[in-house]
Amino acid sequence: MTLIPEPQYSKPLPLLPDTAPPTPYPIEALPVLMREAVQAIAELEQVPLAIAGQCSIGAAAHLAQTRANAWHPGGNPAGAPCALFMLSLFGSGEGKSSARRLAFKTIDEAERVARNQHRQQCEEISIQARQLKGKARDEFMEANPLPDDPRTQYSDATFEPLAGDFIRGKPAASWDTDEGGQMLGGSSLKADTVAATLGGLTKAFDAGHFERTRSRGNAEGSGVAYNRRLSIHLLAQPVAVAEALSNPLLTGQGFLARFLFAAPDSLAGTRFITVESLTRNAYSDARMQRYWARCKEIAASPEYIDPETNEVTPPVLALDAAAIRSWADFKNDIESTLGPLGEYAGIKPFANRGAEQALRLAAVLGCFEGLEQINGDCLNRACLLARYSLSEWLRYTEVGSTSPLLKNAAYAMSWMLNPTRVDNWRTFDKTKAGKSWPPVIRPAKRRDAVLAALVEHKHLLTSNGEQFRINPRAEAAETAETAESQQRQGSPVADELRRVAESAQPAHAAYPSSADFPQSSADSPQTKTQQTRGFPQNPQLPQPEPSATAHAYGGEL
């Protein structure tokens, strides 16, 4: 039998610059009960430790912000808020919502009970009021005012009504959503409101201060609110917030610098299950039970809210002598990296906040642990978490100058090469992309631009600009990169992934055997050539010749 030779495929050009691998998450920095819960969430929901850790810290910050203030190095006896702004980037459908649900379980349940009770109370009062008229009704409502809304969590919100609630008396809340694009890409940060919104949010973070002056006809009204607490916990798809995170105003004004950040690699391709694993669940896991019990214990402890003004005035979790020394060393260490050639020279706004973030984290961790004073161990662990965030910001900003088009193109390739869907995308047409790609890259103009970029960079092959196939070398490289990434994260299937990436056999009978792709002269001699699966013949998609150059967008295939 005569074998049909495999075509030679050009090596894909990188869409994004090389970046450092994700920073190992310092799980040892968490309190024991929280650490165990994070490990349980990561195992049971098959998410990175960083996602589980960020969610758990976000829940702890929600509980701590009305019960503790952070130590203030300037000597302010009232301390500073320990509220946290947090942002985690992770792909759609990869478990971030499940991780958040487990971390916030007791908070969500208490919120639901409180709001149901509030609704019932308001309804009872309204029913009685509707039975009265005139003066009698006015006197009844004066004697039986509607109770304050107990809401403390906002998911689908904008800044204006949120600020209005604080000005009308709300003491504390969290803006918490697993659709972070709604906040960073929503109406609050559009061009005509972004400056005012950023200014309001930074004041809320720094001092718990809200202020607004509006016309009398404005339903939200005017006013000032002091000593409020607002934490923000956002989980977002990278592509949904890419434009916002590249906005120089968000960086220059220091808004993004106030966020603790994580952007771990996807675990897709390694999240295998077993019959035994299907019998396990978080709700019966002893580690989660202990964590939830501690969260309930904190929630049952007193909140320091002035009944006259609704101001939040908790005691300061002061630092002992060892903690002060550790914090000073940490601050000085960061300062040493800010010179022209320093590690954090390119992210000064973020690094300048690192020491403050460590103090806030120490207060949150100390509250969770029930400490009466922050000791050196607690402060050192808070510094580890603050440094992790800086390392992730540094890694992320290395690709910050990349055009949004190439980021979208990289996202499209990553999405198609996901092991759960790659079999359906090795060959496809433009119409299918317009109907089935993620919504953010589905509109015709954006879709066509992404397709053109992927063809130009040799990740896709086409002869007519309508029918496409994934360059086999792009798939092989992605599989190998996934294996490397999972080995860095300690995945038990990394070796198997690497074996598959290096020895994948063609799937179609036309290619009964396979050899490594020949390297072009431009390829690095140190880079081992890859093998890949063959593709079924498609009459609508001509098979590329070794030197094919004709396609709709021009350039070599």
Protein backbone atom coordinates (compact mmCIF):
# COMPACT_ATOMS: atom_id res chain seq x y z
CA MET A 1 0.00 0.00 0.00
CA THR A 2 1.33 3.42 -0.95
CA LEU A 3 1.19 5.88 1.89
CA ILE A 4 -0.01 9.42 1.28
CA PRO A 5 2.64 11.75 2.66
CA GLU A 6 1.58 14.21 5.31
CA PRO A 7 1.74 17.86 4.28
CA GLN A 8 4.26 20.13 5.91
CA TYR A 9 2.63 22.82 7.99
CA SER A 10 4.16 26.17 8.82
CA LYS A 11 4.97 26.89 12.41
CA PRO A 12 2.34 29.20 13.98
CA LEU A 13 3.53 32.64 14.97
CA PRO A 14 2.91 33.68 18.58
CA LEU A 15 -0.20 35.79 19.15
CA LEU A 16 0.90 36.98 22.58
CA PRO A 17 4.38 37.60 23.98
CA ASP A 18 5.91 34.94 26.17
CA THR A 19 5.04 35.46 29.82
CA ALA A 20 6.13 33.96 33.07
CA PRO A 21 4.14 30.96 34.32
CA PRO A 22 1.36 31.62 36.83
CA THR A 23 2.63 32.43 40.28
CA PRO A 24 2.28 29.44 42.66
CA TYR A 25 -0.55 30.27 45.03
CA PRO A 26 0.75 30.61 48.63
CA ILE A 27 -1.89 28.45 50.26
CA GLU A 28 0.33 28.16 53.34
CA ALA A 29 -0.47 31.81 54.00
CA LEU A 30 -4.10 31.07 54.86
CA PRO A 31 -5.44 30.25 58.33
CA VAL A 32 -5.71 26.51 58.90
CA LEU A 33 -9.51 26.25 58.58
CA MET A 34 -9.53 28.42 55.47
CA ARG A 35 -6.58 26.54 54.00
CA GLU A 36 -8.35 23.21 54.40
CA ALA A 37 -11.50 24.61 52.79
CA VAL A 38 -9.53 26.01 49.86
CA GLN A 39 -7.91 22.63 49.31
CA ALA A 40 -11.32 20.96 49.46
CA ILE A 41 -12.85 23.42 46.97
CA ALA A 42 -9.92 23.01 44.61
CA GLU A 43 -10.16 19.22 44.76
CA LEU A 44 -13.92 18.83 44.62
CA GLU A 45 -14.69 21.55 42.08
CA GLN A 46 -11.46 21.03 40.10
CA VAL A 47 -10.36 24.65 40.09
CA PRO A 48 -6.93 26.18 40.78
CA LEU A 49 -6.01 26.94 44.37
CA ALA A 50 -5.83 30.62 43.44
CA ILE A 51 -9.53 30.77 42.51
CA ALA A 52 -10.61 28.93 45.66
CA GLY A 53 -8.27 31.08 47.76
CA GLN A 54 -9.48 34.39 46.34
CA CYS A 55 -13.11 33.36 46.94
CA SER A 56 -12.43 32.37 50.54
CA ILE A 57 -10.54 35.58 51.29
CA GLY A 58 -13.38 37.53 49.68
CA ALA A 59 -15.87 35.86 52.02
CA ALA A 60 -13.64 36.52 55.03
CA ALA A 61 -13.32 40.20 54.05
CA HIS A 62 -17.11 40.51 53.86
CA LEU A 63 -17.38 39.22 57.42
CA ALA A 64 -14.41 41.18 58.77
CA GLN A 65 -15.11 44.64 57.40
CA THR A 66 -17.65 45.51 60.12
CA ARG A 67 -15.75 43.76 62.90
CA ALA A 68 -12.14 44.92 62.57
CA ASN A 69 -10.06 47.82 61.31
CA ALA A 70 -6.55 47.48 59.96
CA TRP A 71 -3.59 49.05 61.75
CA HIS A 72 -2.62 52.44 60.28
CA PRO A 73 1.13 53.16 60.06
CA GLY A 74 0.50 56.91 60.32
CA GLY A 75 -0.74 56.53 63.87
CA ASN A 76 -4.45 57.10 63.22
CA PRO A 77 -6.07 55.59 66.34
CA ALA A 78 -9.18 54.67 64.34
CA GLY A 79 -7.09 52.59 61.97
CA ALA A 80 -8.13 51.99 58.37
CA PRO A 81 -10.83 49.88 56.70
CA CYS A 82 -9.95 46.25 56.11
CA ALA A 83 -12.33 46.04 53.13
CA LEU A 84 -10.72 44.41 50.09
CA PHE A 85 -11.08 44.80 46.34
CA MET A 86 -10.39 41.47 44.60
CA LEU A 87 -10.30 40.41 40.94
CA SER A 88 -9.77 36.89 39.61
CA LEU A 89 -9.61 35.99 35.91
CA PHE A 90 -10.72 32.54 34.84
CA GLY A 91 -12.48 31.01 31.86
CA SER A 92 -16.18 30.51 31.36
CA GLY A 93 -17.62 27.24 32.62
CA GLU A 94 -14.44 26.22 34.44
CA GLY A 95 -15.72 26.30 38.01
CA LYS A 96 -15.31 29.83 39.31
CA SER A 97 -19.03 30.11 40.14
CA SER A 98 -18.97 26.82 42.03
CA ALA A 99 -15.89 27.89 43.99
CA ARG A 100 -17.53 31.18 44.93
CA ARG A 101 -20.77 29.44 45.94
CA LEU A 102 -18.96 27.17 48.40
CA ALA A 103 -16.78 29.92 49.86
CA PHE A 104 -19.76 32.26 50.37
CA LYS A 105 -22.31 29.58 51.32
CA THR A 106 -23.10 30.74 54.86
CA ILE A 107 -23.11 34.41 53.83
CA ASP A 108 -25.47 33.76 50.93
CA GLU A 109 -27.81 31.71 53.09
CA ALA A 110 -27.97 34.35 55.83
CA GLU A 111 -28.58 37.04 53.22
CA ARG A 112 -31.43 35.08 51.68
CA VAL A 113 -33.10 34.51 55.06
CA ALA A 114 -32.74 38.16 56.07
CA ARG A 115 -34.14 39.47 52.80
CA ASN A 116 -37.08 37.05 52.86
CA GLN A 117 -37.93 38.14 56.39
CA HIS A 118 -37.64 41.78 55.36
CA ARG A 119 -39.96 41.21 52.42
CA GLN A 120 -42.55 39.54 54.65
CA GLN A 121 -42.36 42.33 57.24
CA CYS A 122 -42.83 45.00 54.59
CA GLU A 123 -45.75 43.12 53.09
CA GLU A 124 -47.47 42.77 56.47
CA ILE A 125 -47.13 46.49 57.16
CA SER A 126 -48.33 47.37 53.66
CA ILE A 127 -51.39 45.13 53.95
CA GLN A 128 -52.42 46.82 57.17
CA ALA A 129 -51.74 50.29 55.74
CA ARG A 130 -53.91 49.63 52.69
CA GLN A 131 -56.88 49.05 54.98
CA LEU A 132 -56.56 52.59 56.34
CA LYS A 133 -57.09 55.98 54.76
CA GLY A 134 -56.00 59.54 55.22
CA LYS A 135 -54.72 60.59 58.61
CA ALA A 136 -55.16 57.14 60.12
CA ARG A 137 -52.93 55.66 57.45
CA ASP A 138 -50.28 58.36 57.94
CA GLU A 139 -50.27 57.82 61.70
CA PHE A 140 -49.98 54.05 61.22
CA MET A 141 -47.02 54.39 58.84
CA GLU A 142 -45.32 56.81 61.21
CA ALA A 143 -45.70 54.35 64.07
CA ASN A 144 -44.76 51.37 61.89
CA PRO A 145 -42.07 52.46 59.44
CA LEU A 146 -40.81 49.93 56.92
CA PRO A 147 -37.68 48.22 58.24
CA ASP A 148 -34.33 48.98 56.64
CA ASP A 149 -33.33 46.74 53.76
CA PRO A 150 -30.84 44.20 55.20
CA ARG A 151 -29.16 43.68 51.84
CA THR A 152 -25.37 43.45 52.07
CA GLN A 153 -24.54 41.79 48.72
CA TYR A 154 -24.82 43.30 45.26
CA SER A 155 -24.18 41.27 42.13
CA ASP A 156 -25.91 43.06 39.26
CA ALA A 157 -25.44 46.71 40.17
CA THR A 158 -24.01 50.05 39.10
CA PHE A 159 -22.22 52.57 41.25
CA GLU A 160 -24.93 55.25 41.37
CA PRO A 161 -27.68 53.27 43.14
CA LEU A 162 -25.07 51.58 45.32
CA ALA A 163 -23.74 54.96 46.46
CA GLY A 164 -27.32 56.08 47.02
CA ASP A 165 -27.94 53.18 49.39
CA PHE A 166 -24.86 54.11 51.43
CA ILE A 167 -25.87 57.75 51.59
CA ARG A 168 -29.34 56.75 52.78
CA GLY A 169 -27.82 54.77 55.63
CA LYS A 170 -26.45 51.39 54.57
CA PRO A 171 -23.37 50.73 56.72
CA ALA A 172 -21.58 47.99 54.74
CA ALA A 173 -21.90 45.85 51.65
CA SER A 174 -20.00 43.77 49.12
CA TRP A 175 -20.16 44.13 45.36
CA ASP A 176 -19.73 40.47 44.59
CA THR A 177 -20.26 38.74 41.27
CA ASP A 178 -18.96 35.86 39.19
CA GLU A 179 -19.65 37.97 36.10
CA GLY A 180 -17.03 40.63 36.71
CA GLY A 181 -17.41 41.92 33.18
CA GLN A 182 -20.74 43.42 34.24
CA MET A 183 -18.89 45.71 36.62
CA LEU A 184 -15.64 46.45 34.79
CA GLY A 185 -17.28 46.50 31.38
CA GLY A 186 -20.71 47.79 32.39
CA SER A 187 -22.39 51.17 32.37
CA SER A 188 -20.62 52.32 35.55
CA LEU A 189 -17.34 52.59 33.66
CA LYS A 190 -18.52 54.10 30.39
CA ALA A 191 -16.79 57.19 29.09
CA ASP A 192 -19.23 59.76 30.47
CA THR A 193 -19.25 58.37 34.01
CA VAL A 194 -15.94 56.60 34.44
CA ALA A 195 -14.01 59.42 36.14
CA ALA A 196 -16.72 60.05 38.74
CA THR A 197 -17.23 56.35 39.36
CA LEU A 198 -13.53 55.66 39.82
CA GLY A 199 -13.21 58.60 42.18
CA GLY A 200 -16.16 57.38 44.22
CA LEU A 201 -14.89 53.82 44.44
CA THR A 202 -11.36 54.84 45.44
CA LYS A 203 -12.77 57.06 48.23
CA ALA A 204 -14.92 54.16 49.37
CA PHE A 205 -11.87 51.89 49.51
CA ASP A 206 -9.56 54.37 51.21
CA ALA A 207 -11.83 55.76 53.91
CA GLY A 208 -15.34 54.37 53.50
CA HIS A 209 -16.48 57.80 52.30
CA PHE A 210 -19.38 58.45 49.91
CA GLU A 211 -20.43 61.91 48.76
CA ARG A 212 -22.72 63.14 46.04
CA THR A 213 -24.29 66.42 45.02
CA ARG A 214 -27.27 66.17 42.68
CA SER A 215 -30.21 68.25 41.62
CA ARG A 216 -33.32 68.11 43.78
CA GLY A 217 -35.14 66.20 41.10
CA ASN A 218 -32.62 63.37 41.13
CA ALA A 219 -34.21 60.31 42.69
CA GLU A 220 -30.91 59.18 44.18
CA GLY A 221 -30.52 62.52 45.95
CA SER A 222 -27.50 64.14 47.52
CA GLY A 223 -25.64 63.58 50.73
CA VAL A 224 -22.53 62.43 52.51
CA ALA A 225 -21.84 59.15 54.28
CA TYR A 226 -18.78 58.52 56.44
CA ASN A 227 -17.17 55.33 57.71
CA ARG A 228 -19.00 52.95 55.42
CA ARG A 229 -17.47 49.71 54.19
CA LEU A 230 -17.47 48.36 50.65
CA SER A 231 -15.62 45.24 49.52
CA ILE A 232 -15.52 44.17 45.87
CA HIS A 233 -15.08 40.56 44.82
CA LEU A 234 -15.06 39.98 41.07
CA LEU A 235 -14.64 36.76 39.11
CA ALA A 236 -14.39 37.44 35.39
CA GLN A 237 -13.59 35.87 32.05
CA PRO A 238 -10.31 37.35 30.78
CA VAL A 239 -11.77 38.42 27.46
CA ALA A 240 -14.73 40.15 29.14
CA VAL A 241 -12.49 42.58 31.03
CA ALA A 242 -9.46 42.82 28.72
CA GLU A 243 -10.49 46.24 27.40
CA ALA A 244 -11.09 47.63 30.88
CA LEU A 245 -7.79 46.30 32.22
CA SER A 246 -5.91 47.98 29.37
CA ASN A 247 -7.59 51.34 30.04
CA PRO A 248 -4.84 53.73 31.22
CA LEU A 249 -7.36 55.71 33.29
CA LEU A 250 -8.13 52.70 35.47
CA THR A 251 -4.42 52.22 36.12
CA GLY A 252 -3.37 55.86 36.28
CA GLN A 253 -6.05 56.79 38.81
CA GLY A 254 -4.98 53.88 41.01
CA PHE A 255 -8.28 52.03 40.75
CA LEU A 256 -6.91 48.70 39.52
CA ALA A 257 -3.96 49.02 41.90
CA ARG A 258 -6.38 48.57 44.78
CA PHE A 259 -7.34 45.07 43.61
CA LEU A 260 -5.75 41.85 44.82
CA PHE A 261 -5.31 39.92 41.60
CA ALA A 262 -5.12 36.33 40.38
CA ALA A 263 -5.06 34.93 36.86
CA PRO A 264 -4.27 31.20 37.07
CA ASP A 265 -4.01 28.86 34.09
CA SER A 266 -6.99 26.76 33.07
CA LEU A 267 -7.09 23.15 34.27
CA ALA A 268 -9.04 22.06 31.19
CA GLY A 269 -7.77 18.75 29.94
CA THR A 270 -6.82 17.47 33.38
CA ARG A 271 -10.14 17.47 35.24
CA PHE A 272 -10.73 13.74 35.04
CA ILE A 273 -13.23 12.00 37.27
CA THR A 274 -13.50 8.54 38.75
CA VAL A 275 -16.41 6.55 40.09
CA GLU A 276 -15.01 7.16 43.57
CA SER A 277 -14.80 10.91 43.01
CA LEU A 278 -18.49 11.02 42.09
CA THR A 279 -19.38 9.83 45.59
CA ARG A 280 -17.68 12.82 47.21
CA ASN A 281 -19.28 16.20 47.64
CA ALA A 282 -18.40 19.43 49.38
CA TYR A 283 -21.49 19.53 51.56
CA SER A 284 -20.45 16.44 53.48
CA ASP A 285 -16.74 17.22 53.50
CA ALA A 286 -15.44 17.73 57.05
CA ARG A 287 -13.08 20.47 55.91
CA MET A 288 -15.92 22.52 54.48
CA GLN A 289 -18.05 21.89 57.55
CA ARG A 290 -15.34 23.31 59.81
CA TYR A 291 -14.87 26.33 57.55
CA TRP A 292 -18.61 27.05 57.41
CA ALA A 293 -18.89 26.69 61.16
CA ARG A 294 -16.19 29.32 61.61
CA CYS A 295 -17.92 31.66 59.15
CA LYS A 296 -21.19 31.30 61.08
CA GLU A 297 -19.36 31.96 64.34
CA ILE A 298 -17.92 35.20 62.97
CA ALA A 299 -21.30 36.24 61.55
CA ALA A 300 -22.88 35.74 64.98
CA SER A 301 -20.32 38.00 66.66
CA PRO A 302 -21.08 41.71 67.17
CA GLU A 303 -20.76 44.21 64.35
CA TYR A 304 -19.48 47.65 65.29
CA ILE A 305 -22.13 49.86 63.70
CA ASP A 306 -23.23 53.08 65.39
CA PRO A 307 -27.05 52.92 65.71
CA GLU A 308 -27.36 56.71 65.41
CA THR A 309 -25.23 57.31 62.30
CA ASN A 310 -24.80 53.80 60.86
CA GLU A 311 -21.07 54.47 60.76
CA VAL A 312 -18.81 51.42 61.01
CA THR A 313 -16.39 51.92 63.91
CA PRO A 314 -14.72 48.60 64.77
CA PRO A 315 -11.61 48.28 66.95
CA VAL A 316 -8.19 48.20 65.36
CA LEU A 317 -6.39 44.89 65.17
CA ALA A 318 -3.05 46.31 66.23
CA LEU A 319 0.34 44.88 65.30
CA ASP A 320 2.69 43.56 67.93
CA ALA A 321 6.39 44.46 67.82
CA ALA A 322 7.36 41.49 65.66
CA ALA A 323 4.58 42.25 63.18
CA ILE A 324 5.65 45.89 62.91
CA ARG A 325 9.22 44.83 62.13
CA SER A 326 8.01 42.36 59.52
CA TRP A 327 5.78 44.94 57.88
CA ALA A 328 8.58 47.52 57.76
CA ASP A 329 10.87 44.94 56.14
CA PHE A 330 8.18 44.11 53.57
CA LYS A 331 7.56 47.76 52.72
CA ASN A 332 11.29 48.42 52.35
CA ASP A 333 11.72 45.34 50.21
CA ILE A 334 9.03 46.54 47.81
CA GLU A 335 10.57 50.01 47.75
CA SER A 336 13.87 48.51 46.67
CA THR A 337 12.19 47.09 43.54
CA LEU A 338 10.80 50.41 42.28
CA GLY A 339 13.99 51.84 40.81
CA PRO A 340 14.48 52.02 37.02
CA LEU A 341 15.76 48.44 36.83
CA GLY A 342 13.73 47.04 39.72
CA GLU A 343 11.35 44.11 39.50
CA TYR A 344 8.23 46.24 40.03
CA ALA A 345 9.42 49.34 38.17
CA GLY A 346 6.77 48.79 35.50
CA ILE A 347 3.88 48.45 37.95
CA LYS A 348 4.62 51.20 40.45
CA PRO A 349 0.95 52.08 41.15
CA PHE A 350 0.33 48.47 42.16
CA ALA A 351 3.55 48.00 44.11
CA ASN A 352 2.99 51.26 46.01
CA ARG A 353 -0.20 49.69 47.39
CA GLY A 354 1.43 46.40 48.36
CA ALA A 355 2.27 47.30 51.94
CA GLU A 356 -1.23 48.69 52.57
CA GLN A 357 -2.78 45.56 51.08
CA ALA A 358 -0.71 43.46 53.48
CA LEU A 359 -2.13 45.37 56.48
CA ARG A 360 -5.69 44.91 55.26
CA LEU A 361 -5.10 41.22 54.59
CA ALA A 362 -3.59 40.81 58.06
CA ALA A 363 -6.74 42.29 59.62
CA VAL A 364 -8.97 39.97 57.57
CA LEU A 365 -6.89 36.89 58.42
CA GLY A 366 -6.64 37.95 62.06
CA CYS A 367 -10.41 38.38 62.32
CA PHE A 368 -10.96 34.94 60.80
CA GLU A 369 -8.49 33.41 63.25
CA GLY A 370 -9.95 35.29 66.22
CA LEU A 371 -6.71 37.11 67.04
CA GLU A 372 -6.74 40.02 69.47
CA GLN A 373 -3.49 41.34 68.01
CA ILE A 374 -1.70 40.75 64.73
CA ASN A 375 1.48 38.80 65.38
CA GLY A 376 4.52 38.36 63.18
CA ASP A 377 3.30 35.07 61.73
CA CYS A 378 -0.04 36.51 60.64
CA LEU A 379 1.61 39.59 59.14
CA ASN A 380 4.17 37.51 57.24
CA ARG A 381 1.40 35.39 55.75
CA ALA A 382 -0.49 38.52 54.70
CA CYS A 383 2.68 39.76 52.99
CA LEU A 384 2.89 36.49 51.05
CA LEU A 385 -0.62 37.05 49.70
CA ALA A 386 0.10 40.68 48.82
CA ARG A 387 3.28 39.67 47.00
CA TYR A 388 1.38 36.97 45.12
CA SER A 389 -1.00 39.63 43.81
CA LEU A 390 1.89 41.85 42.71
CA SER A 391 3.52 38.94 40.89
CA GLU A 392 0.28 38.21 39.06
CA TRP A 393 -0.18 41.88 38.10
CA LEU A 394 3.39 41.94 36.82
CA ARG A 395 2.80 38.84 34.73
CA TYR A 396 -0.48 40.16 33.36
CA THR A 397 0.87 43.56 32.41
CA GLU A 398 3.63 41.97 30.36
CA VAL A 399 1.00 41.35 27.71
CA GLY A 400 -0.83 44.59 28.43
CA SER A 401 0.57 46.30 25.34
CA THR A 402 -0.76 43.56 23.06
CA SER A 403 -3.56 44.72 20.80
CA PRO A 404 -7.12 43.75 21.78
CA LEU A 405 -7.43 42.00 18.41
CA LEU A 406 -4.56 39.62 19.15
CA LYS A 407 -5.91 39.02 22.65
CA ASN A 408 -9.26 38.09 21.11
CA ALA A 409 -7.50 35.88 18.58
CA ALA A 410 -5.59 34.09 21.34
CA TYR A 411 -8.83 33.68 23.25
CA ALA A 412 -10.56 32.19 20.19
CA MET A 413 -7.79 29.65 19.66
CA SER A 414 -7.69 28.72 23.33
CA TRP A 415 -11.46 28.29 23.29
CA MET A 416 -11.45 26.08 20.18
CA LEU A 417 -8.52 24.00 21.40
CA ASN A 418 -10.16 23.23 24.72
CA PRO A 419 -10.11 19.42 24.92
CA THR A 420 -13.88 19.35 25.45
CA ARG A 421 -14.59 20.98 22.07
CA VAL A 422 -11.52 20.67 19.82
CA ASP A 423 -12.98 17.69 17.93
CA ASN A 424 -15.80 19.93 16.73
CA TRP A 425 -13.51 22.76 15.60
CA ARG A 426 -10.67 21.18 13.67
CA THR A 427 -12.58 22.16 10.56
CA PHE A 428 -15.27 24.83 10.49
CA ASP A 429 -16.68 27.64 8.40
CA LYS A 430 -17.21 31.33 9.02
CA THR A 431 -20.93 30.89 9.63
CA LYS A 432 -20.32 28.38 12.40
CA ALA A 433 -17.91 30.78 14.10
CA GLY A 434 -20.49 33.56 13.91
CA LYS A 435 -23.11 31.35 15.54
CA SER A 436 -21.13 29.32 18.05
CA TRP A 437 -18.04 31.24 19.15
CA PRO A 438 -18.20 32.98 22.55
CA PRO A 439 -20.50 36.03 22.29
CA VAL A 440 -17.71 38.57 22.76
CA ILE A 441 -16.02 37.52 19.48
CA ARG A 442 -19.15 36.48 17.60
CA PRO A 443 -20.20 39.79 15.90
CA ALA A 444 -19.37 39.72 12.19
CA LYS A 445 -16.72 42.47 12.14
CA ARG A 446 -14.92 41.15 15.19
CA ARG A 447 -15.22 37.54 14.00
CA ASP A 448 -13.74 38.39 10.59
CA ALA A 449 -10.89 40.36 12.16
CA VAL A 450 -10.09 37.48 14.51
CA LEU A 451 -10.16 34.96 11.66
CA ALA A 452 -7.85 37.17 9.60
CA ALA A 453 -5.40 37.50 12.50
CA LEU A 454 -5.39 33.75 13.09
CA VAL A 455 -4.74 33.05 9.42
CA GLU A 456 -2.02 35.70 9.29
CA HIS A 457 -0.33 34.13 12.31
CA LYS A 458 -0.74 30.64 10.79
CA HIS A 459 -2.97 29.25 13.54
CA LEU A 460 -5.74 28.65 10.98
CA LEU A 461 -5.47 27.42 7.40
CA THR A 462 -7.81 28.49 4.59
CA SER A 463 -7.85 28.70 0.82
CA ASN A 464 -10.95 30.81 0.35
CA GLY A 465 -11.57 32.81 3.52
CA GLU A 466 -14.78 30.88 4.20
CA GLN A 467 -13.65 27.40 5.24
CA PHE A 468 -11.00 26.98 7.93
CA ARG A 469 -9.02 24.25 9.64
CA ILE A 470 -6.78 24.45 12.68
CA ASN A 471 -3.11 24.18 11.85
CA PRO A 472 -2.11 20.80 13.33
CA ARG A 473 1.08 22.32 14.68
CA ALA A 474 -0.98 24.88 16.62
CA GLU A 475 -2.97 22.08 18.23
CA ALA A 476 0.16 20.10 19.08
CA ALA A 477 1.81 23.16 20.60
CA GLU A 478 -1.27 23.95 22.69
CA THR A 479 -1.44 20.37 23.99
CA ALA A 480 2.24 20.42 24.92
CA GLU A 481 1.86 23.82 26.60
CA THR A 482 -1.08 22.51 28.62
CA ALA A 483 1.02 19.58 29.78
CA GLU A 484 3.84 21.89 30.85
CA SER A 485 1.43 24.18 32.68
CA GLN A 486 -0.19 21.33 34.56
CA GLN A 487 3.20 19.92 35.56
CA ARG A 488 4.03 23.32 37.08
CA GLN A 489 0.79 23.10 39.05
CA GLY A 490 1.50 19.54 40.16
CA SER A 491 -1.16 17.90 38.03
CA PRO A 492 -0.99 14.09 38.20
CA VAL A 493 -1.91 13.84 34.51
CA ALA A 494 0.81 16.16 33.20
CA ASP A 495 3.06 13.32 32.05
CA GLU A 496 0.18 11.69 30.22
CA LEU A 497 -0.71 14.96 28.50
CA ARG A 498 2.86 15.44 27.43
CA ARG A 499 3.01 11.89 26.07
CA VAL A 500 -0.12 12.51 24.04
CA ALA A 501 1.21 15.83 22.76
CA GLU A 502 4.47 14.27 21.61
CA SER A 503 3.15 11.06 20.09
CA ALA A 504 -0.43 11.71 18.94
CA GLN A 505 -1.22 9.47 15.94
CA PRO A 506 -3.29 10.58 12.94
CA ALA A 507 -6.95 9.82 13.24
CA HIS A 508 -7.80 9.32 9.55
CA ALA A 509 -7.14 6.29 7.41
CA ALA A 510 -5.46 8.44 4.76
CA TYR A 511 -2.59 8.89 7.23
CA PRO A 512 -1.92 5.42 8.68
CA SER A 513 1.41 6.54 10.16
CA SER A 514 2.90 9.83 11.32
CA ALA A 515 6.28 11.48 11.57
CA ASP A 516 7.44 14.55 13.36
CA PHE A 517 6.78 17.79 11.52
CA PRO A 518 9.95 18.91 9.76
CA GLN A 519 11.42 22.06 11.19
CA SER A 520 11.76 25.10 9.01
CA SER A 521 14.96 27.09 9.01
CA ALA A 522 13.24 29.63 11.22
CA ASP A 523 12.50 27.06 13.91
CA SER A 524 14.70 26.89 16.96
CA PRO A 525 17.07 23.90 16.74
CA GLN A 526 16.40 23.25 20.40
CA THR A 527 12.64 22.90 19.86
CA LYS A 528 11.53 19.32 19.40
CA THR A 529 9.20 18.87 16.44
CA GLN A 530 5.66 17.79 17.17
CA GLN A 531 3.30 15.19 15.78
CA THR A 532 -0.42 15.76 15.42
CA ARG A 533 -3.62 14.11 14.35
CA GLY A 534 -4.56 13.99 10.68
CA PHE A 535 -7.79 15.55 9.45
CA PRO A 536 -10.57 13.89 7.46
CA GLN A 537 -10.72 15.01 3.85
CA ASN A 538 -13.29 17.76 3.39
CA PRO A 539 -14.45 18.43 -0.19
CA GLN A 540 -15.27 22.00 0.77
CA LEU A 541 -11.87 22.57 2.36
CA PRO A 542 -8.97 21.87 -0.02
CA GLN A 543 -6.05 20.14 1.66
CA PRO A 544 -2.96 22.39 1.85
CA GLU A 545 0.08 21.67 -0.23
CA PRO A 546 3.52 21.91 1.41
CA SER A 547 4.02 25.43 0.08
CA ALA A 548 0.46 26.61 -0.33
CA THR A 549 0.16 30.38 -0.26
CA ALA A 550 -3.21 31.26 -1.72
CA HIS A 551 -5.89 32.15 0.75
CA ALA A 552 -8.33 34.94 1.29
CA TYR A 553 -6.15 37.01 3.58
CA GLY A 554 -2.80 36.44 1.92
CA GLY A 555 0.35 35.03 3.49
CA GLU A 556 1.81 31.53 3.73
CA LEU A 557 -0.20 28.68 5.20
